[in-house]
């Protein structure tokens, strides 16, 4: 199992708009293509207006296949300009388990 850790900086005052777009547009498209969200958080202390999502994939091959389908999806393409309008820098990392954590396999 590998994990995709994504940190998105949302513009100040746009968190409700981001959440609505994510829940109504992005998440259904992700689910359709098999991208499994296992956790979503926003910062409460520290840098404001950050969203942190964690996704699980069987392996890197599955990650590549799902992400290719996802970013070629017309629904995602339709919403990318709006997403880029209300977000700043995004950081994505692939995480692999060490063996001693709760989410290891």
PDB file of N, CA and C in Angstrom:
ATOM      1  N   UNK A   1       0.846  -1.173   0.000  1.00  0.00           N
ATOM      2  CA  UNK A   1       0.000   0.000   0.000  1.00  0.00           C
ATOM      3  C   UNK A   1       0.890   1.235   0.000  1.00  0.00           C
ATOM      4  N   UNK A   2       0.536   2.228  -0.826  1.00  0.00           N
ATOM      5  CA  UNK A   2       1.201   3.526  -0.785  1.00  0.00           C
ATOM      6  C   UNK A   2       0.142   4.593  -0.548  1.00  0.00           C
ATOM      7  N   UNK A   3       0.594   5.758  -0.148  1.00  0.00           N
ATOM      8  CA  UNK A   3      -0.327   6.844   0.188  1.00  0.00           C
ATOM      9  C   UNK A   3       0.088   8.112  -0.535  1.00  0.00           C
ATOM     10  N   UNK A   4      -0.908   8.873  -0.948  1.00  0.00           N
ATOM     11  CA  UNK A   4      -0.686  10.185  -1.535  1.00  0.00           C
ATOM     12  C   UNK A   4      -1.096  11.215  -0.490  1.00  0.00           C
ATOM     13  N   UNK A   5      -0.154  12.042  -0.093  1.00  0.00           N
ATOM     14  CA  UNK A   5      -0.365  13.104   0.896  1.00  0.00           C
ATOM     15  C   UNK A   5      -0.369  14.423   0.133  1.00  0.00           C
ATOM     16  N   UNK A   6      -1.505  15.122   0.135  1.00  0.00           N
ATOM     17  CA  UNK A   6      -1.652  16.359  -0.623  1.00  0.00           C
ATOM     18  C   UNK A   6      -1.957  17.500   0.343  1.00  0.00           C
ATOM     19  N   UNK A   7      -1.188  18.570   0.244  1.00  0.00           N
ATOM     20  CA  UNK A   7      -1.439  19.786   1.013  1.00  0.00           C
ATOM     21  C   UNK A   7      -1.787  20.882   0.017  1.00  0.00           C
ATOM     22  N   UNK A   8      -2.970  21.475   0.197  1.00  0.00           N
ATOM     23  CA  UNK A   8      -3.443  22.549  -0.678  1.00  0.00           C
ATOM     24  C   UNK A   8      -3.599  23.806   0.154  1.00  0.00           C
ATOM     25  N   UNK A   9      -3.059  24.908  -0.326  1.00  0.00           N
ATOM     26  CA  UNK A   9      -3.256  26.203   0.325  1.00  0.00           C
ATOM     27  C   UNK A   9      -4.447  26.874  -0.344  1.00  0.00           C
ATOM     28  N   UNK A  10      -5.483  27.114   0.441  1.00  0.00           N
ATOM     29  CA  UNK A  10      -6.705  27.735  -0.053  1.00  0.00           C
ATOM     30  C   UNK A  10      -6.618  29.226   0.256  1.00  0.00           C
ATOM     31  N   UNK A  11      -7.025  30.048  -0.700  1.00  0.00           N
ATOM     32  CA  UNK A  11      -6.992  31.490  -0.471  1.00  0.00           C
ATOM     33  C   UNK A  11      -7.846  31.857   0.728  1.00  0.00           C
ATOM     34  N   UNK A  12      -7.377  32.846   1.476  1.00  0.00           N
ATOM     35  CA  UNK A  12      -8.094  33.329   2.661  1.00  0.00           C
ATOM     36  C   UNK A  12      -9.538  33.656   2.291  1.00  0.00           C
ATOM     37  N   UNK A  13     -10.474  33.131   3.082  1.00  0.00           N
ATOM     38  CA  UNK A  13     -11.890  33.386   2.881  1.00  0.00           C
ATOM     39  C   UNK A  13     -12.561  32.486   1.853  1.00  0.00           C
ATOM     40  N   UNK A  14     -11.822  31.538   1.281  1.00  0.00           N
ATOM     41  CA  UNK A  14     -12.378  30.681   0.224  1.00  0.00           C
ATOM     42  C   UNK A  14     -12.571  29.225   0.670  1.00  0.00           C
ATOM     43  N   UNK A  15     -12.405  28.949   1.971  1.00  0.00           N
ATOM     44  CA  UNK A  15     -12.490  27.562   2.451  1.00  0.00           C
ATOM     45  C   UNK A  15     -13.867  26.951   2.202  1.00  0.00           C
ATOM     46  N   UNK A  16     -14.939  27.699   2.445  1.00  0.00           N
ATOM     47  CA  UNK A  16     -16.283  27.155   2.200  1.00  0.00           C
ATOM     48  C   UNK A  16     -16.476  26.834   0.723  1.00  0.00           C
ATOM     49  N   UNK A  17     -15.990  27.715  -0.141  1.00  0.00           N
ATOM     50  CA  UNK A  17     -16.108  27.491  -1.584  1.00  0.00           C
ATOM     51  C   UNK A  17     -15.291  26.263  -2.001  1.00  0.00           C
ATOM     52  N   UNK A  18     -14.066  26.141  -1.481  1.00  0.00           N
ATOM     53  CA  UNK A  18     -13.218  24.976  -1.771  1.00  0.00           C
ATOM     54  C   UNK A  18     -13.919  23.687  -1.328  1.00  0.00           C
ATOM     55  N   UNK A  19     -14.439  23.691  -0.108  1.00  0.00           N
ATOM     56  CA  UNK A  19     -15.089  22.502   0.443  1.00  0.00           C
ATOM     57  C   UNK A  19     -16.284  22.087  -0.408  1.00  0.00           C
ATOM     58  N   UNK A  20     -17.069  23.053  -0.830  1.00  0.00           N
ATOM     59  CA  UNK A  20     -18.242  22.755  -1.664  1.00  0.00           C
ATOM     60  C   UNK A  20     -17.818  22.141  -3.001  1.00  0.00           C
ATOM     61  N   UNK A  21     -16.828  22.732  -3.655  1.00  0.00           N
ATOM     62  CA  UNK A  21     -16.350  22.193  -4.935  1.00  0.00           C
ATOM     63  C   UNK A  21     -15.787  20.790  -4.735  1.00  0.00           C
ATOM     64  N   UNK A  22     -15.007  20.619  -3.672  1.00  0.00           N
ATOM     65  CA  UNK A  22     -14.402  19.314  -3.426  1.00  0.00           C
ATOM     66  C   UNK A  22     -15.474  18.249  -3.207  1.00  0.00           C
ATOM     67  N   UNK A  23     -16.416  18.543  -2.307  1.00  0.00           N
ATOM     68  CA  UNK A  23     -17.446  17.554  -1.964  1.00  0.00           C
ATOM     69  C   UNK A  23     -18.395  17.262  -3.119  1.00  0.00           C
ATOM     70  N   UNK A  24     -18.762  18.299  -3.880  1.00  0.00           N
ATOM     71  CA  UNK A  24     -19.782  18.129  -4.922  1.00  0.00           C
ATOM     72  C   UNK A  24     -19.223  17.745  -6.284  1.00  0.00           C
ATOM     73  N   UNK A  25     -17.981  18.119  -6.576  1.00  0.00           N
ATOM     74  CA  UNK A  25     -17.431  17.891  -7.917  1.00  0.00           C
ATOM     75  C   UNK A  25     -16.234  16.943  -7.913  1.00  0.00           C
ATOM     76  N   UNK A  26     -15.226  17.265  -7.108  1.00  0.00           N
ATOM     77  CA  UNK A  26     -13.989  16.500  -7.164  1.00  0.00           C
ATOM     78  C   UNK A  26     -14.114  15.117  -6.553  1.00  0.00           C
ATOM     79  N   UNK A  27     -14.682  15.026  -5.371  1.00  0.00           N
ATOM     80  CA  UNK A  27     -14.776  13.736  -4.694  1.00  0.00           C
ATOM     81  C   UNK A  27     -15.577  12.712  -5.496  1.00  0.00           C
ATOM     82  N   UNK A  28     -16.741  13.070  -6.076  1.00  0.00           N
ATOM     83  CA  UNK A  28     -17.444  12.087  -6.907  1.00  0.00           C
ATOM     84  C   UNK A  28     -16.603  11.609  -8.100  1.00  0.00           C
ATOM     85  N   UNK A  29     -15.856  12.513  -8.720  1.00  0.00           N
ATOM     86  CA  UNK A  29     -15.004  12.107  -9.844  1.00  0.00           C
ATOM     87  C   UNK A  29     -13.890  11.184  -9.360  1.00  0.00           C
ATOM     88  N   UNK A  30     -13.290  11.507  -8.225  1.00  0.00           N
ATOM     89  CA  UNK A  30     -12.249  10.645  -7.665  1.00  0.00           C
ATOM     90  C   UNK A  30     -12.803   9.258  -7.359  1.00  0.00           C
ATOM     91  N   UNK A  31     -13.959   9.219  -6.737  1.00  0.00           N
ATOM     92  CA  UNK A  31     -14.582   7.932  -6.402  1.00  0.00           C
ATOM     93  C   UNK A  31     -14.868   7.120  -7.660  1.00  0.00           C
ATOM     94  N   UNK A  32     -15.317   7.792  -8.712  1.00  0.00           N
ATOM     95  CA  UNK A  32     -15.635   7.122  -9.975  1.00  0.00           C
ATOM     96  C   UNK A  32     -14.408   6.406 -10.548  1.00  0.00           C
ATOM     97  N   UNK A  33     -13.244   6.984 -10.352  1.00  0.00           N
ATOM     98  CA  UNK A  33     -12.019   6.416 -10.913  1.00  0.00           C
ATOM     99  C   UNK A  33     -11.225   5.576  -9.916  1.00  0.00           C
ATOM    100  N   UNK A  34     -11.740   5.436  -8.695  1.00  0.00           N
ATOM    101  CA  UNK A  34     -11.102   4.563  -7.724  1.00  0.00           C
ATOM    102  C   UNK A  34     -10.079   5.213  -6.818  1.00  0.00           C
ATOM    103  N   UNK A  35     -10.006   6.550  -6.828  1.00  0.00           N
ATOM    104  CA  UNK A  35      -9.074   7.220  -5.911  1.00  0.00           C
ATOM    105  C   UNK A  35      -9.748   7.313  -4.543  1.00  0.00           C
ATOM    106  N   UNK A  36      -9.174   6.595  -3.578  1.00  0.00           N
ATOM    107  CA  UNK A  36      -9.804   6.424  -2.268  1.00  0.00           C
ATOM    108  C   UNK A  36      -9.248   7.413  -1.244  1.00  0.00           C
ATOM    109  N   UNK A  37     -10.093   8.370  -0.860  1.00  0.00           N
ATOM    110  CA  UNK A  37      -9.754   9.331   0.185  1.00  0.00           C
ATOM    111  C   UNK A  37      -9.915   8.652   1.538  1.00  0.00           C
ATOM    112  N   UNK A  38      -8.837   8.617   2.323  1.00  0.00           N
ATOM    113  CA  UNK A  38      -8.937   7.974   3.636  1.00  0.00           C
ATOM    114  C   UNK A  38      -8.882   8.973   4.785  1.00  0.00           C
ATOM    115  N   UNK A  39      -8.597  10.231   4.480  1.00  0.00           N
ATOM    116  CA  UNK A  39      -8.604  11.252   5.510  1.00  0.00           C
ATOM    117  C   UNK A  39      -8.503  12.631   4.900  1.00  0.00           C
ATOM    118  N   UNK A  40      -9.171  13.595   5.522  1.00  0.00           N
ATOM    119  CA  UNK A  40      -9.121  14.984   5.076  1.00  0.00           C
ATOM    120  C   UNK A  40      -9.146  15.886   6.307  1.00  0.00           C
ATOM    121  N   UNK A  41      -8.239  16.845   6.326  1.00  0.00           N
ATOM    122  CA  UNK A  41      -8.117  17.746   7.467  1.00  0.00           C
ATOM    123  C   UNK A  41      -7.902  19.167   6.980  1.00  0.00           C
ATOM    124  N   UNK A  42      -8.173  20.138   7.846  1.00  0.00           N
ATOM    125  CA  UNK A  42      -7.759  21.521   7.622  1.00  0.00           C
ATOM    126  C   UNK A  42      -6.981  21.950   8.849  1.00  0.00           C
ATOM    127  N   UNK A  43      -6.074  22.878   8.662  1.00  0.00           N
ATOM    128  CA  UNK A  43      -5.272  23.319   9.793  1.00  0.00           C
ATOM    129  C   UNK A  43      -6.111  24.179  10.730  1.00  0.00           C
ATOM    130  N   UNK A  44      -5.924  23.977  12.012  1.00  0.00           N
ATOM    131  CA  UNK A  44      -6.581  24.786  13.036  1.00  0.00           C
ATOM    132  C   UNK A  44      -5.563  25.630  13.794  1.00  0.00           C
ATOM    133  N   UNK A  45      -4.337  25.136  13.872  1.00  0.00           N
ATOM    134  CA  UNK A  45      -3.233  25.859  14.466  1.00  0.00           C
ATOM    135  C   UNK A  45      -2.084  25.751  13.483  1.00  0.00           C
ATOM    136  N   UNK A  46      -1.391  26.832  13.270  1.00  0.00           N
ATOM    137  CA  UNK A  46      -0.308  26.830  12.281  1.00  0.00           C
ATOM    138  C   UNK A  46      -0.758  27.590  11.059  1.00  0.00           C
ATOM    139  N   UNK A  47      -0.232  27.223   9.896  1.00  0.00           N
ATOM    140  CA  UNK A  47      -0.613  27.946   8.672  1.00  0.00           C
ATOM    141  C   UNK A  47      -2.122  27.841   8.434  1.00  0.00           C
ATOM    142  N   UNK A  48      -2.763  28.982   8.320  1.00  0.00           N
ATOM    143  CA  UNK A  48      -4.206  28.988   8.098  1.00  0.00           C
ATOM    144  C   UNK A  48      -4.535  28.580   6.671  1.00  0.00           C
ATOM    145  N   UNK A  49      -5.756  28.086   6.512  1.00  0.00           N
ATOM    146  CA  UNK A  49      -6.312  27.794   5.198  1.00  0.00           C
ATOM    147  C   UNK A  49      -5.524  26.746   4.420  1.00  0.00           C
ATOM    148  N   UNK A  50      -5.031  25.749   5.119  1.00  0.00           N
ATOM    149  CA  UNK A  50      -4.423  24.596   4.468  1.00  0.00           C
ATOM    150  C   UNK A  50      -5.365  23.413   4.588  1.00  0.00           C
ATOM    151  N   UNK A  51      -5.431  22.634   3.517  1.00  0.00           N
ATOM    152  CA  UNK A  51      -6.197  21.395   3.506  1.00  0.00           C
ATOM    153  C   UNK A  51      -5.198  20.270   3.275  1.00  0.00           C
ATOM    154  N   UNK A  52      -5.309  19.218   4.067  1.00  0.00           N
ATOM    155  CA  UNK A  52      -4.443  18.059   3.922  1.00  0.00           C
ATOM    156  C   UNK A  52      -5.321  16.847   3.669  1.00  0.00           C
ATOM    157  N   UNK A  53      -5.085  16.174   2.537  1.00  0.00           N
ATOM    158  CA  UNK A  53      -5.830  14.971   2.170  1.00  0.00           C
ATOM    159  C   UNK A  53      -4.861  13.801   2.104  1.00  0.00           C
ATOM    160  N   UNK A  54      -5.368  12.621   2.451  1.00  0.00           N
ATOM    161  CA  UNK A  54      -4.581  11.406   2.378  1.00  0.00           C
ATOM    162  C   UNK A  54      -5.372  10.367   1.596  1.00  0.00           C
ATOM    163  N   UNK A  55      -4.735   9.815   0.549  1.00  0.00           N
ATOM    164  CA  UNK A  55      -5.354   8.833  -0.325  1.00  0.00           C
ATOM    165  C   UNK A  55      -4.546   7.549  -0.286  1.00  0.00           C
ATOM    166  N   UNK A  56      -5.218   6.402  -0.437  1.00  0.00           N
ATOM    167  CA  UNK A  56      -4.544   5.097  -0.427  1.00  0.00           C
ATOM    168  C   UNK A  56      -4.612   4.460  -1.811  1.00  0.00           C
ATOM    169  N   UNK A  57      -3.508   3.825  -2.201  1.00  0.00           N
ATOM    170  CA  UNK A  57      -3.403   3.088  -3.460  1.00  0.00           C
ATOM    171  C   UNK A  57      -2.710   1.764  -3.177  1.00  0.00           C
ATOM    172  N   UNK A  58      -3.055   0.739  -3.933  1.00  0.00           N
ATOM    173  CA  UNK A  58      -2.418  -0.564  -3.755  1.00  0.00           C
ATOM    174  C   UNK A  58      -0.920  -0.483  -4.025  1.00  0.00           C
ATOM    175  N   UNK A  59      -0.556   0.220  -5.097  1.00  0.00           N
ATOM    176  CA  UNK A  59       0.851   0.343  -5.482  1.00  0.00           C
ATOM    177  C   UNK A  59       0.988   1.523  -6.437  1.00  0.00           C
ATOM    178  N   UNK A  60       2.219   1.771  -6.880  1.00  0.00           N
ATOM    179  CA  UNK A  60       2.477   2.916  -7.743  1.00  0.00           C
ATOM    180  C   UNK A  60       1.809   2.759  -9.109  1.00  0.00           C
ATOM    181  N   UNK A  61       1.683   1.538  -9.601  1.00  0.00           N
ATOM    182  CA  UNK A  61       1.013   1.298 -10.880  1.00  0.00           C
ATOM    183  C   UNK A  61      -0.451   1.721 -10.797  1.00  0.00           C
ATOM    184  N   UNK A  62      -1.130   1.324  -9.719  1.00  0.00           N
ATOM    185  CA  UNK A  62      -2.527   1.734  -9.544  1.00  0.00           C
ATOM    186  C   UNK A  62      -2.618   3.252  -9.438  1.00  0.00           C
ATOM    187  N   UNK A  63      -1.721   3.863  -8.697  1.00  0.00           N
ATOM    188  CA  UNK A  63      -1.685   5.322  -8.562  1.00  0.00           C
ATOM    189  C   UNK A  63      -1.619   5.983  -9.931  1.00  0.00           C
ATOM    190  N   UNK A  64      -0.686   5.538 -10.768  1.00  0.00           N
ATOM    191  CA  UNK A  64      -0.512   6.131 -12.095  1.00  0.00           C
ATOM    192  C   UNK A  64      -1.756   5.976 -12.963  1.00  0.00           C
ATOM    193  N   UNK A  65      -2.353   4.789 -12.956  1.00  0.00           N
ATOM    194  CA  UNK A  65      -3.546   4.536 -13.773  1.00  0.00           C
ATOM    195  C   UNK A  65      -4.719   5.410 -13.339  1.00  0.00           C
ATOM    196  N   UNK A  66      -4.958   5.459 -12.043  1.00  0.00           N
ATOM    197  CA  UNK A  66      -6.085   6.245 -11.528  1.00  0.00           C
ATOM    198  C   UNK A  66      -5.872   7.726 -11.790  1.00  0.00           C
ATOM    199  N   UNK A  67      -4.683   8.224 -11.528  1.00  0.00           N
ATOM    200  CA  UNK A  67      -4.411   9.653 -11.717  1.00  0.00           C
ATOM    201  C   UNK A  67      -4.526  10.043 -13.197  1.00  0.00           C
ATOM    202  N   UNK A  68      -4.085   9.186 -14.097  1.00  0.00           N
ATOM    203  CA  UNK A  68      -4.210   9.483 -15.526  1.00  0.00           C
ATOM    204  C   UNK A  68      -5.685   9.588 -15.918  1.00  0.00           C
ATOM    205  N   UNK A  69      -6.492   8.628 -15.488  1.00  0.00           N
ATOM    206  CA  UNK A  69      -7.929   8.671 -15.782  1.00  0.00           C
ATOM    207  C   UNK A  69      -8.565   9.916 -15.170  1.00  0.00           C
ATOM    208  N   UNK A  70      -8.194  10.204 -13.941  1.00  0.00           N
ATOM    209  CA  UNK A  70      -8.790  11.326 -13.217  1.00  0.00           C
ATOM    210  C   UNK A  70      -8.513  12.649 -13.922  1.00  0.00           C
ATOM    211  N   UNK A  71      -7.267  12.882 -14.295  1.00  0.00           N
ATOM    212  CA  UNK A  71      -6.931  14.172 -14.889  1.00  0.00           C
ATOM    213  C   UNK A  71      -7.328  14.286 -16.352  1.00  0.00           C
ATOM    214  N   UNK A  72      -7.794  13.203 -16.953  1.00  0.00           N
ATOM    215  CA  UNK A  72      -8.368  13.253 -18.293  1.00  0.00           C
ATOM    216  C   UNK A  72      -9.891  13.292 -18.255  1.00  0.00           C
ATOM    217  N   UNK A  73     -10.466  13.248 -17.070  1.00  0.00           N
ATOM    218  CA  UNK A  73     -11.918  13.273 -16.895  1.00  0.00           C
ATOM    219  C   UNK A  73     -12.449  14.676 -17.216  1.00  0.00           C
ATOM    220  N   UNK A  74     -13.441  14.776 -18.103  1.00  0.00           N
ATOM    221  CA  UNK A  74     -14.003  16.089 -18.443  1.00  0.00           C
ATOM    222  C   UNK A  74     -14.542  16.858 -17.224  1.00  0.00           C
ATOM    223  N   UNK A  75     -15.085  16.135 -16.257  1.00  0.00           N
ATOM    224  CA  UNK A  75     -15.604  16.795 -15.049  1.00  0.00           C
ATOM    225  C   UNK A  75     -14.466  17.501 -14.301  1.00  0.00           C
ATOM    226  N   UNK A  76     -13.331  16.858 -14.188  1.00  0.00           N
ATOM    227  CA  UNK A  76     -12.180  17.471 -13.529  1.00  0.00           C
ATOM    228  C   UNK A  76     -11.665  18.634 -14.368  1.00  0.00           C
ATOM    229  N   UNK A  77     -11.543  18.425 -15.666  1.00  0.00           N
ATOM    230  CA  UNK A  77     -11.057  19.496 -16.551  1.00  0.00           C
ATOM    231  C   UNK A  77     -11.938  20.738 -16.461  1.00  0.00           C
ATOM    232  N   UNK A  78     -13.247  20.523 -16.314  1.00  0.00           N
ATOM    233  CA  UNK A  78     -14.183  21.639 -16.206  1.00  0.00           C
ATOM    234  C   UNK A  78     -13.923  22.472 -14.958  1.00  0.00           C
ATOM    235  N   UNK A  79     -13.547  21.819 -13.857  1.00  0.00           N
ATOM    236  CA  UNK A  79     -13.413  22.519 -12.582  1.00  0.00           C
ATOM    237  C   UNK A  79     -11.992  22.975 -12.265  1.00  0.00           C
ATOM    238  N   UNK A  80     -10.987  22.527 -13.002  1.00  0.00           N
ATOM    239  CA  UNK A  80      -9.607  22.933 -12.709  1.00  0.00           C
ATOM    240  C   UNK A  80      -9.395  24.447 -12.719  1.00  0.00           C
ATOM    241  N   UNK A  81      -9.919  25.188 -13.699  1.00  0.00           N
ATOM    242  CA  UNK A  81      -9.701  26.646 -13.665  1.00  0.00           C
ATOM    243  C   UNK A  81     -10.240  27.297 -12.382  1.00  0.00           C
ATOM    244  N   UNK A  82     -11.406  26.878 -11.930  1.00  0.00           N
ATOM    245  CA  UNK A  82     -11.979  27.435 -10.706  1.00  0.00           C
ATOM    246  C   UNK A  82     -11.135  27.047  -9.497  1.00  0.00           C
ATOM    247  N   UNK A  83     -10.673  25.802  -9.479  1.00  0.00           N
ATOM    248  CA  UNK A  83      -9.835  25.335  -8.379  1.00  0.00           C
ATOM    249  C   UNK A  83      -8.556  26.164  -8.316  1.00  0.00           C
ATOM    250  N   UNK A  84      -7.922  26.377  -9.464  1.00  0.00           N
ATOM    251  CA  UNK A  84      -6.677  27.147  -9.501  1.00  0.00           C
ATOM    252  C   UNK A  84      -6.916  28.597  -9.092  1.00  0.00           C
ATOM    253  N   UNK A  85      -8.124  29.092  -9.326  1.00  0.00           N
ATOM    254  CA  UNK A  85      -8.470  30.466  -8.975  1.00  0.00           C
ATOM    255  C   UNK A  85      -8.532  30.674  -7.459  1.00  0.00           C
ATOM    256  N   UNK A  86      -8.936  29.652  -6.714  1.00  0.00           N
ATOM    257  CA  UNK A  86      -9.120  29.826  -5.263  1.00  0.00           C
ATOM    258  C   UNK A  86      -8.050  29.137  -4.423  1.00  0.00           C
ATOM    259  N   UNK A  87      -7.088  28.487  -5.073  1.00  0.00           N
ATOM    260  CA  UNK A  87      -6.026  27.827  -4.326  1.00  0.00           C
ATOM    261  C   UNK A  87      -4.676  28.404  -4.703  1.00  0.00           C
ATOM    262  N   UNK A  88      -3.731  28.200  -3.810  1.00  0.00           N
ATOM    263  CA  UNK A  88      -2.359  28.597  -4.070  1.00  0.00           C
ATOM    264  C   UNK A  88      -1.531  27.362  -4.314  1.00  0.00           C
ATOM    265  N   UNK A  89      -0.302  27.377  -3.808  1.00  0.00           N
ATOM    266  CA  UNK A  89       0.587  26.233  -4.024  1.00  0.00           C
ATOM    267  C   UNK A  89       0.011  24.933  -3.460  1.00  0.00           C
ATOM    268  N   UNK A  90       0.284  23.855  -4.166  1.00  0.00           N
ATOM    269  CA  UNK A  90      -0.103  22.509  -3.724  1.00  0.00           C
ATOM    270  C   UNK A  90       1.163  21.673  -3.635  1.00  0.00           C
ATOM    271  N   UNK A  91       1.220  20.868  -2.600  1.00  0.00           N
ATOM    272  CA  UNK A  91       2.356  19.963  -2.450  1.00  0.00           C
ATOM    273  C   UNK A  91       1.822  18.543  -2.348  1.00  0.00           C
ATOM    274  N   UNK A  92       2.335  17.660  -3.199  1.00  0.00           N
ATOM    275  CA  UNK A  92       1.919  16.257  -3.177  1.00  0.00           C
ATOM    276  C   UNK A  92       3.137  15.383  -2.918  1.00  0.00           C
ATOM    277  N   UNK A  93       2.939  14.368  -2.090  1.00  0.00           N
ATOM    278  CA  UNK A  93       4.011  13.431  -1.762  1.00  0.00           C
ATOM    279  C   UNK A  93       3.457  12.019  -1.815  1.00  0.00           C
ATOM    280  N   UNK A  94       4.275  11.088  -2.276  1.00  0.00           N
ATOM    281  CA  UNK A  94       3.941   9.670  -2.180  1.00  0.00           C
ATOM    282  C   UNK A  94       4.640   9.146  -0.930  1.00  0.00           C
ATOM    283  N   UNK A  95       3.879   8.521  -0.064  1.00  0.00           N
ATOM    284  CA  UNK A  95       4.411   7.971   1.181  1.00  0.00           C
ATOM    285  C   UNK A  95       4.367   6.446   1.120  1.00  0.00           C
ATOM    286  N   UNK A  96       5.413   5.815   1.604  1.00  0.00           N
ATOM    287  CA  UNK A  96       5.433   4.357   1.700  1.00  0.00           C
ATOM    288  C   UNK A  96       5.626   3.986   3.166  1.00  0.00           C
ATOM    289  N   UNK A  97       4.933   2.942   3.633  1.00  0.00           N
ATOM    290  CA  UNK A  97       4.953   2.577   5.045  1.00  0.00           C
ATOM    291  C   UNK A  97       6.325   2.079   5.517  1.00  0.00           C
ATOM    292  N   UNK A  98       6.618   2.362   6.761  1.00  0.00           N
ATOM    293  CA  UNK A  98       7.820   1.845   7.393  1.00  0.00           C
ATOM    294  C   UNK A  98       7.585   0.506   8.088  1.00  0.00           C
ATOM    295  N   UNK A  99       6.351   0.230   8.465  1.00  0.00           N
ATOM    296  CA  UNK A  99       6.069  -1.067   9.068  1.00  0.00           C
ATOM    297  C   UNK A  99       5.599  -1.011  10.510  1.00  0.00           C
ATOM    298  N   UNK A 100       5.779   0.107  11.174  1.00  0.00           N
ATOM    299  CA  UNK A 100       5.394   0.155  12.588  1.00  0.00           C
ATOM    300  C   UNK A 100       4.225   1.109  12.864  1.00  0.00           C
ATOM    301  N   UNK A 101       3.568   1.610  11.840  1.00  0.00           N
ATOM    302  CA  UNK A 101       2.442   2.505  12.033  1.00  0.00           C
ATOM    303  C   UNK A 101       1.116   1.782  11.870  1.00  0.00           C
ATOM    304  N   UNK A 102       0.066   2.473  12.231  1.00  0.00           N
ATOM    305  CA  UNK A 102      -1.281   1.893  12.186  1.00  0.00           C
ATOM    306  C   UNK A 102      -1.752   1.611  10.756  1.00  0.00           C
ATOM    307  N   UNK A 103      -1.335   2.437   9.786  1.00  0.00           N
ATOM    308  CA  UNK A 103      -1.799   2.271   8.407  1.00  0.00           C
ATOM    309  C   UNK A 103      -0.839   1.464   7.555  1.00  0.00           C
ATOM    310  N   UNK A 104       0.044   0.686   8.162  1.00  0.00           N
ATOM    311  CA  UNK A 104       0.994  -0.102   7.383  1.00  0.00           C
ATOM    312  C   UNK A 104       0.394  -1.424   6.961  1.00  0.00           C
ATOM    313  N   UNK A 105       0.948  -1.969   5.894  1.00  0.00           N
ATOM    314  CA  UNK A 105       0.491  -3.294   5.449  1.00  0.00           C
ATOM    315  C   UNK A 105       1.642  -4.076   4.888  1.00  0.00           C
TER     316      UNK A 105
END
